[in-house]
Protein backbone atom coordinates (compact mmCIF):
# COMPACT_ATOMS: atom_id res chain seq x y z
CA UNK A 1 213.51 8.21 29.35
CA UNK A 2 209.99 8.43 30.78
CA UNK A 3 207.71 11.13 29.45
CA UNK A 4 205.16 12.45 31.93
CA UNK A 5 201.61 13.02 30.66
CA UNK A 6 200.61 16.59 30.00
CA UNK A 7 198.56 18.36 32.64
CA UNK A 8 194.96 18.95 31.57
CA UNK A 9 194.53 22.22 29.71
CA UNK A 10 191.93 24.33 31.52
CA UNK A 11 190.37 26.12 28.57
CA UNK A 12 188.19 28.23 30.86
CA UNK A 13 191.26 30.44 31.33
CA UNK A 14 191.72 30.98 27.57
CA UNK A 15 189.79 33.83 25.91
CA UNK A 16 186.96 32.33 23.81
CA UNK A 17 188.15 34.09 20.65
CA UNK A 18 191.40 32.06 20.63
CA UNK A 19 190.30 28.93 22.51
CA UNK A 20 189.80 26.57 19.54
CA UNK A 21 192.86 27.91 17.73
CA UNK A 22 194.94 27.17 20.84
CA UNK A 23 193.62 23.61 21.00
CA UNK A 24 194.19 23.04 17.27
CA UNK A 25 197.77 24.25 17.69
CA UNK A 26 198.34 21.58 20.33
CA UNK A 27 196.62 18.90 18.25
CA UNK A 28 198.73 19.60 15.19
CA UNK A 29 201.94 19.12 17.18
CA UNK A 30 200.74 16.05 19.07
CA UNK A 31 202.77 12.96 18.08
CA UNK A 32 200.85 9.86 16.93
CA UNK A 33 199.89 7.76 19.94
CA UNK A 34 199.95 10.70 22.38
CA UNK A 35 197.00 12.42 24.03
CA UNK A 36 196.14 15.39 26.19
CA UNK A 37 193.01 16.49 27.98
CA UNK A 38 191.03 19.68 28.25
CA UNK A 39 188.80 20.93 31.06
CA UNK A 40 185.79 23.13 30.31
CA UNK A 41 182.61 24.39 31.95
CA UNK A 42 180.36 22.99 29.21
CA UNK A 43 180.30 20.05 26.80
CA UNK A 44 182.93 20.80 24.13
CA UNK A 45 180.94 18.91 21.47
CA UNK A 46 181.29 21.77 18.92
CA UNK A 47 185.08 21.37 19.17
CA UNK A 48 184.72 17.65 18.49
CA UNK A 49 182.69 18.36 15.35
CA UNK A 50 185.38 20.78 14.15
CA UNK A 51 188.14 18.24 14.79
CA UNK A 52 186.22 15.47 13.01
CA UNK A 53 185.46 17.74 10.03
CA UNK A 54 189.01 18.99 9.69
CA UNK A 55 190.84 15.73 10.45
CA UNK A 56 188.45 12.79 9.99
CA UNK A 57 189.74 9.66 11.70
CA UNK A 58 192.92 11.34 12.99
CA UNK A 59 191.98 11.99 16.63
CA UNK A 60 190.18 10.02 19.33
CA UNK A 61 187.80 11.64 21.82
CA UNK A 62 186.96 10.23 25.26
CA UNK A 63 184.98 11.91 28.00
CA UNK A 64 186.63 11.67 31.42
CA UNK A 65 184.08 13.85 33.28
CA UNK A 66 180.69 14.74 31.79
CA UNK A 67 179.33 17.70 33.72
CA UNK A 68 177.23 19.22 34.86
CA UNK A 69 179.77 21.79 36.14
CA UNK A 70 183.06 20.42 34.78
CA UNK A 71 183.72 18.60 31.53
CA UNK A 72 187.03 16.88 30.87
CA UNK A 73 187.88 15.24 27.56
CA UNK A 74 190.94 13.31 26.46
CA UNK A 75 191.88 13.93 22.85
CA UNK A 76 194.43 11.57 21.34
CA UNK A 77 196.19 11.39 18.02
CA UNK A 78 195.73 7.99 16.44
CA UNK A 79 198.80 6.00 15.47
CA UNK A 80 200.13 6.70 11.99
CA UNK A 81 198.34 4.60 9.42
CA UNK A 82 195.04 4.68 11.31
CA UNK A 83 194.13 8.06 9.89
CA UNK A 84 191.61 8.28 7.08
CA UNK A 85 193.02 11.62 5.93
CA UNK A 86 195.74 13.89 7.23
CA UNK A 87 193.44 16.85 6.66
CA UNK A 88 190.05 17.22 5.03
CA UNK A 89 190.82 20.33 3.05
CA UNK A 90 190.39 19.15 -0.52
CA UNK A 91 194.09 19.49 -1.25
CA UNK A 92 197.48 17.88 -0.68
CA UNK A 93 197.36 16.08 -4.03
CA UNK A 94 198.91 17.35 -7.23
CA UNK A 95 196.48 19.63 -9.00
CA UNK A 96 194.36 20.37 -5.90
CA UNK A 97 194.53 23.54 -3.86
CA UNK A 98 195.11 23.17 -0.14
CA UNK A 99 192.85 25.32 2.03
CA UNK A 100 194.01 24.14 5.47
CA UNK A 101 197.47 25.71 5.49
CA UNK A 102 199.43 22.45 5.62
């Protein structure tokens, strides 16, 4: 069975108040080794900082188009075992409280 790549997600059509939450929902369900891309009207660097802070080493980030009017970024989930942490929340170990909801 061949799986077709996902169409780029045009985040310009998503209300700003739920934009990052929508992207994080996709990221959290993305299988290791898979990727998807987003299209935006500005550099989504703040999103990258949030991803790196929440999941250090878990996702890759590659610019496909770098402005000035359109920005497209491919975000991929690294293969299992290449992740530094599943989540950087301070929890997930016995005796530590999880703050990320996982």
